[in-house]
């Protein structure tokens, strides 16, 4: 089955940390690039960070220095370590490939809520 499954979200106070995980089927994980996206209430979905199969990373300006994306190829899992969380990081977080991000489908996502 071709799918992704996100986990690790929760409720945290501002300044806290969370680690998100994305377990992907082999077909998806073998894509060159995997990314974390988020959709905040009333806003469009945006790219948070992505990572290539070779480990190169890219981050949105709003999370640089606070979030770290990584991948474990043996476990076919992508992680997002989020530190110094802010209320504006509150969103539903998803992982996907760039192609599936355009055409779908999406997983169920994992909710991150940061209280002030």
C-alpha atoms as a PDB file:
ATOM      1  CA  UNK A   1       0.000   0.000   0.000  1.00  0.00           C
ATOM      2  CA  UNK A   2       1.385   3.394  -0.985  1.00  0.00           C
ATOM      3  CA  UNK A   3       0.973   5.723   1.945  1.00  0.00           C
ATOM      4  CA  UNK A   4       2.495   7.940   4.623  1.00  0.00           C
ATOM      5  CA  UNK A   5       1.658   7.979   8.339  1.00  0.00           C
ATOM      6  CA  UNK A   6       2.508  11.007  10.463  1.00  0.00           C
ATOM      7  CA  UNK A   7       2.763  10.927  14.258  1.00  0.00           C
ATOM      8  CA  UNK A   8       4.257  12.747  17.213  1.00  0.00           C
ATOM      9  CA  UNK A   9       2.118  15.846  17.421  1.00  0.00           C
ATOM     10  CA  UNK A  10       0.611  17.188  20.602  1.00  0.00           C
ATOM     11  CA  UNK A  11       0.026  20.153  22.852  1.00  0.00           C
ATOM     12  CA  UNK A  12       3.110  21.975  24.089  1.00  0.00           C
ATOM     13  CA  UNK A  13       3.874  25.314  25.697  1.00  0.00           C
ATOM     14  CA  UNK A  14       5.768  27.983  23.844  1.00  0.00           C
ATOM     15  CA  UNK A  15       9.480  27.252  24.000  1.00  0.00           C
ATOM     16  CA  UNK A  16       8.903  23.524  24.136  1.00  0.00           C
ATOM     17  CA  UNK A  17       9.901  20.773  21.722  1.00  0.00           C
ATOM     18  CA  UNK A  18       8.280  18.002  19.735  1.00  0.00           C
ATOM     19  CA  UNK A  19       9.589  15.356  17.358  1.00  0.00           C
ATOM     20  CA  UNK A  20       7.378  14.364  14.456  1.00  0.00           C
ATOM     21  CA  UNK A  21       7.767  11.085  12.590  1.00  0.00           C
ATOM     22  CA  UNK A  22       6.616  10.087   9.135  1.00  0.00           C
ATOM     23  CA  UNK A  23       6.631   6.419   8.206  1.00  0.00           C
ATOM     24  CA  UNK A  24       6.376   5.993   4.459  1.00  0.00           C
ATOM     25  CA  UNK A  25       5.844   3.047   2.177  1.00  0.00           C
ATOM     26  CA  UNK A  26       8.880   2.041   0.171  1.00  0.00           C
ATOM     27  CA  UNK A  27       7.568   3.497  -3.075  1.00  0.00           C
ATOM     28  CA  UNK A  28       7.159   6.915  -1.490  1.00  0.00           C
ATOM     29  CA  UNK A  29      10.314   6.867   0.606  1.00  0.00           C
ATOM     30  CA  UNK A  30      12.464   6.013  -2.398  1.00  0.00           C
ATOM     31  CA  UNK A  31      11.508   9.354  -3.918  1.00  0.00           C
ATOM     32  CA  UNK A  32      14.493  11.686  -3.978  1.00  0.00           C
ATOM     33  CA  UNK A  33      12.885  14.317  -1.785  1.00  0.00           C
ATOM     34  CA  UNK A  34      10.669  14.047   1.271  1.00  0.00           C
ATOM     35  CA  UNK A  35       9.161  17.104   2.880  1.00  0.00           C
ATOM     36  CA  UNK A  36       7.232  18.272   5.907  1.00  0.00           C
ATOM     37  CA  UNK A  37       4.344  20.642   5.253  1.00  0.00           C
ATOM     38  CA  UNK A  38       1.877  22.360   7.543  1.00  0.00           C
ATOM     39  CA  UNK A  39      -1.507  24.020   7.332  1.00  0.00           C
ATOM     40  CA  UNK A  40      -2.463  26.526   9.997  1.00  0.00           C
ATOM     41  CA  UNK A  41      -6.105  27.482  10.596  1.00  0.00           C
ATOM     42  CA  UNK A  42      -7.301  29.817   7.872  1.00  0.00           C
ATOM     43  CA  UNK A  43      -4.067  29.548   5.900  1.00  0.00           C
ATOM     44  CA  UNK A  44      -2.838  27.595   2.920  1.00  0.00           C
ATOM     45  CA  UNK A  45      -0.569  24.600   3.316  1.00  0.00           C
ATOM     46  CA  UNK A  46       3.106  25.548   3.231  1.00  0.00           C
ATOM     47  CA  UNK A  47       6.416  23.736   2.964  1.00  0.00           C
ATOM     48  CA  UNK A  48       8.278  23.634   6.278  1.00  0.00           C
ATOM     49  CA  UNK A  49      11.377  21.645   5.321  1.00  0.00           C
ATOM     50  CA  UNK A  50      12.552  19.016   2.887  1.00  0.00           C
ATOM     51  CA  UNK A  51      15.411  16.564   2.616  1.00  0.00           C
ATOM     52  CA  UNK A  52      16.927  14.746  -0.336  1.00  0.00           C
ATOM     53  CA  UNK A  53      17.963  11.118  -0.363  1.00  0.00           C
ATOM     54  CA  UNK A  54      21.524  12.370  -0.019  1.00  0.00           C
ATOM     55  CA  UNK A  55      20.713  14.362   3.096  1.00  0.00           C
ATOM     56  CA  UNK A  56      20.602  17.893   1.708  1.00  0.00           C
ATOM     57  CA  UNK A  57      18.052  20.005   3.535  1.00  0.00           C
ATOM     58  CA  UNK A  58      16.043  23.143   2.978  1.00  0.00           C
ATOM     59  CA  UNK A  59      13.947  25.110   5.482  1.00  0.00           C
ATOM     60  CA  UNK A  60      11.315  27.796   5.443  1.00  0.00           C
ATOM     61  CA  UNK A  61      12.694  31.053   6.830  1.00  0.00           C
ATOM     62  CA  UNK A  62      10.203  30.943   9.695  1.00  0.00           C
ATOM     63  CA  UNK A  63      11.663  27.719  11.117  1.00  0.00           C
ATOM     64  CA  UNK A  64      15.376  28.046  10.340  1.00  0.00           C
ATOM     65  CA  UNK A  65      17.487  27.467  13.409  1.00  0.00           C
ATOM     66  CA  UNK A  66      14.587  25.875  15.306  1.00  0.00           C
ATOM     67  CA  UNK A  67      13.538  22.849  13.233  1.00  0.00           C
ATOM     68  CA  UNK A  68      15.688  19.996  11.943  1.00  0.00           C
ATOM     69  CA  UNK A  69      14.606  17.487   9.324  1.00  0.00           C
ATOM     70  CA  UNK A  70      16.278  14.091   9.080  1.00  0.00           C
ATOM     71  CA  UNK A  71      15.647  10.675   7.586  1.00  0.00           C
ATOM     72  CA  UNK A  72      16.390   7.078   8.521  1.00  0.00           C
ATOM     73  CA  UNK A  73      16.595   5.133   5.283  1.00  0.00           C
ATOM     74  CA  UNK A  74      16.585   1.749   7.018  1.00  0.00           C
ATOM     75  CA  UNK A  75      13.328   2.565   8.792  1.00  0.00           C
ATOM     76  CA  UNK A  76      11.872   4.461   5.822  1.00  0.00           C
ATOM     77  CA  UNK A  77      11.047   7.274   8.226  1.00  0.00           C
ATOM     78  CA  UNK A  78      11.455  11.028   8.069  1.00  0.00           C
ATOM     79  CA  UNK A  79      11.646  13.103  11.246  1.00  0.00           C
ATOM     80  CA  UNK A  80      11.083  16.730  12.127  1.00  0.00           C
ATOM     81  CA  UNK A  81      12.668  17.882  15.383  1.00  0.00           C
ATOM     82  CA  UNK A  82      10.979  21.097  16.452  1.00  0.00           C
ATOM     83  CA  UNK A  83      12.572  23.197  19.179  1.00  0.00           C
ATOM     84  CA  UNK A  84      11.677  26.563  20.658  1.00  0.00           C
ATOM     85  CA  UNK A  85       8.131  26.199  19.412  1.00  0.00           C
ATOM     86  CA  UNK A  86       6.001  29.306  19.001  1.00  0.00           C
ATOM     87  CA  UNK A  87       2.218  29.749  18.955  1.00  0.00           C
ATOM     88  CA  UNK A  88       2.445  30.516  15.229  1.00  0.00           C
ATOM     89  CA  UNK A  89       3.766  26.977  14.676  1.00  0.00           C
ATOM     90  CA  UNK A  90       0.308  25.656  15.555  1.00  0.00           C
ATOM     91  CA  UNK A  91      -0.872  23.674  12.532  1.00  0.00           C
ATOM     92  CA  UNK A  92      -1.646  20.288  11.089  1.00  0.00           C
ATOM     93  CA  UNK A  93       1.662  18.832   9.932  1.00  0.00           C
ATOM     94  CA  UNK A  94       1.983  16.475   6.971  1.00  0.00           C
ATOM     95  CA  UNK A  95       4.813  14.733   5.165  1.00  0.00           C
ATOM     96  CA  UNK A  96       4.856  14.058   1.452  1.00  0.00           C
ATOM     97  CA  UNK A  97       6.880  14.088  -1.731  1.00  0.00           C
ATOM     98  CA  UNK A  98       6.870  17.207  -3.913  1.00  0.00           C
ATOM     99  CA  UNK A  99       4.877  15.401  -6.624  1.00  0.00           C
ATOM    100  CA  UNK A 100       2.219  14.116  -4.228  1.00  0.00           C
ATOM    101  CA  UNK A 101       2.121  17.567  -2.627  1.00  0.00           C
ATOM    102  CA  UNK A 102       0.800  18.902  -5.949  1.00  0.00           C
ATOM    103  CA  UNK A 103      -1.477  16.044  -7.023  1.00  0.00           C
ATOM    104  CA  UNK A 104      -2.192  14.263  -3.768  1.00  0.00           C
ATOM    105  CA  UNK A 105      -3.040  12.228  -1.893  1.00  0.00           C
ATOM    106  CA  UNK A 106      -2.142  13.380   1.593  1.00  0.00           C
ATOM    107  CA  UNK A 107      -1.958  11.473   4.838  1.00  0.00           C
ATOM    108  CA  UNK A 108      -4.045  12.383   7.861  1.00  0.00           C
ATOM    109  CA  UNK A 109      -1.352  14.592   9.340  1.00  0.00           C
ATOM    110  CA  UNK A 110      -0.492  15.170  12.977  1.00  0.00           C
ATOM    111  CA  UNK A 111      -1.731  18.151  14.987  1.00  0.00           C
ATOM    112  CA  UNK A 112       0.730  20.452  16.725  1.00  0.00           C
ATOM    113  CA  UNK A 113      -0.691  23.006  19.134  1.00  0.00           C
ATOM    114  CA  UNK A 114       1.559  25.510  20.876  1.00  0.00           C
ATOM    115  CA  UNK A 115       0.101  27.473  23.759  1.00  0.00           C
ATOM    116  CA  UNK A 116       1.410  30.873  24.778  1.00  0.00           C
END
